[in-house]
Amino acid sequence: MLLYVVGEMAVTRKLNTDFFAPVLLHTPYLVGADLVSRTGRRLEVRAELREETTQKLVASADGLFVVVTLAHFTDAAGKASPARNGENDDSREAMGNRHP
């Protein structure tokens, strides 16, 4: 979404989300986002999720994003460690399994 808001690629640094009601399947929602501020590569963004028919606020979020170039992704792909047993070390740690 940031690509559309600011016209540049960005990665998430921090994202805080508040839910005020359940987000239901097969229910149309409206999403709105605004660029709150920009300082260099740092972007502060605020977003809302509203039920389409009632306009009821279902969730809101505040985030901090960092503008990056395409090289951020292509360089990272070249530095990735080879997978072992279908997982890499990062995925093991993220899932709480720290044993080799």
Protein backbone atom coordinates (compact mmCIF):
# COMPACT_ATOMS: atom_id res chain seq x y z
CA MET A 1 0.00 0.00 0.00
CA LEU A 2 2.87 2.40 0.70
CA LEU A 3 3.95 2.14 -2.90
CA TYR A 4 0.62 3.76 -3.79
CA VAL A 5 0.63 6.33 -0.97
CA VAL A 6 4.16 7.71 -1.46
CA GLY A 7 5.23 6.23 -4.78
CA GLU A 8 8.22 4.38 -3.29
CA MET A 9 8.94 0.92 -1.90
CA ALA A 10 9.20 0.67 1.88
CA VAL A 11 9.62 -1.99 4.53
CA THR A 12 7.85 -2.21 7.87
CA ARG A 13 9.88 -1.10 10.89
CA LYS A 14 7.03 -1.04 13.42
CA LEU A 15 3.28 -1.69 13.14
CA ASN A 16 0.72 -1.29 15.93
CA THR A 17 -2.82 -2.47 15.24
CA ASP A 18 -5.95 -1.98 17.37
CA PHE A 19 -9.04 -4.07 16.72
CA PHE A 20 -12.40 -2.70 17.84
CA ALA A 21 -14.61 -5.46 16.41
CA PRO A 22 -14.14 -8.83 14.74
CA VAL A 23 -12.98 -8.74 11.12
CA LEU A 24 -15.34 -11.17 9.40
CA LEU A 25 -14.90 -13.26 6.29
CA HIS A 26 -17.08 -12.44 3.26
CA THR A 27 -17.73 -8.91 4.58
CA PRO A 28 -16.75 -5.91 2.45
CA TYR A 29 -14.46 -3.38 4.13
CA LEU A 30 -13.01 -0.01 3.19
CA VAL A 31 -9.33 0.64 3.86
CA GLY A 32 -7.92 4.14 4.11
CA ALA A 33 -4.34 5.22 4.76
CA ASP A 34 -2.62 8.56 5.20
CA LEU A 35 1.00 9.60 5.31
CA VAL A 36 1.26 11.37 8.67
CA SER A 37 4.87 12.52 8.29
CA ARG A 38 8.06 11.90 6.38
CA THR A 39 11.56 12.51 7.69
CA GLY A 40 14.18 11.40 5.19
CA ARG A 41 13.49 7.71 4.56
CA ARG A 42 11.24 7.35 7.63
CA LEU A 43 7.49 7.31 6.92
CA GLU A 44 4.81 7.48 9.60
CA VAL A 45 1.52 6.12 8.31
CA ARG A 46 -1.95 5.80 9.84
CA ALA A 47 -4.67 3.49 8.48
CA GLU A 48 -8.28 2.58 9.22
CA LEU A 49 -10.47 -0.39 8.36
CA ARG A 50 -14.22 0.29 8.23
CA GLU A 51 -17.18 -1.93 7.46
CA GLU A 52 -18.40 -0.84 4.06
CA THR A 53 -22.14 -0.74 4.75
CA THR A 54 -22.16 0.83 8.25
CA GLN A 55 -18.86 2.76 8.14
CA LYS A 56 -18.18 1.27 11.60
CA LEU A 57 -14.51 1.48 12.56
CA VAL A 58 -13.27 -2.09 12.89
CA ALA A 59 -9.50 -1.56 13.20
CA SER A 60 -6.86 1.13 13.05
CA ALA A 61 -3.10 1.00 12.73
CA ASP A 62 -0.07 3.25 13.10
CA GLY A 63 3.15 2.27 11.44
CA LEU A 64 6.71 3.32 10.87
CA PHE A 65 8.18 2.34 7.51
CA VAL A 66 11.57 2.85 5.88
CA VAL A 67 11.94 3.64 2.16
CA VAL A 68 14.25 1.19 0.39
CA THR A 69 15.46 0.53 -3.13
CA LEU A 70 14.95 -2.64 -5.12
CA ALA A 71 18.53 -3.60 -4.19
CA HIS A 72 17.35 -4.08 -0.61
CA PHE A 73 15.40 -7.13 -1.76
CA THR A 74 17.72 -8.44 -4.44
CA ASP A 75 20.84 -8.18 -2.25
CA ALA A 76 19.05 -9.90 0.65
CA ALA A 77 18.03 -12.77 -1.62
CA GLY A 78 21.65 -13.34 -2.62
CA LYS A 79 22.78 -13.41 1.03
CA ALA A 80 20.17 -15.90 2.22
CA SER A 81 21.62 -19.03 3.80
CA PRO A 82 20.81 -22.35 2.16
CA ALA A 83 17.77 -24.09 3.59
CA ARG A 84 18.15 -27.18 5.75
CA ASN A 85 15.26 -29.61 5.83
CA GLY A 86 13.04 -27.04 4.14
CA GLU A 87 13.66 -24.32 6.76
CA ASN A 88 16.29 -21.71 7.37
CA ASP A 89 17.59 -20.59 10.77
CA ASP A 90 15.38 -17.48 10.80
CA SER A 91 12.20 -19.51 10.36
CA ARG A 92 13.20 -21.88 13.16
CA GLU A 93 13.85 -19.01 15.55
CA ALA A 94 10.61 -17.26 14.59
CA MET A 95 8.68 -20.43 15.36
CA GLY A 96 10.43 -20.89 18.69
CA ASN A 97 12.44 -23.95 17.60
CA ARG A 98 16.05 -22.97 18.26
CA HIS A 99 17.51 -26.46 18.00
CA PRO A 100 19.40 -27.45 14.83
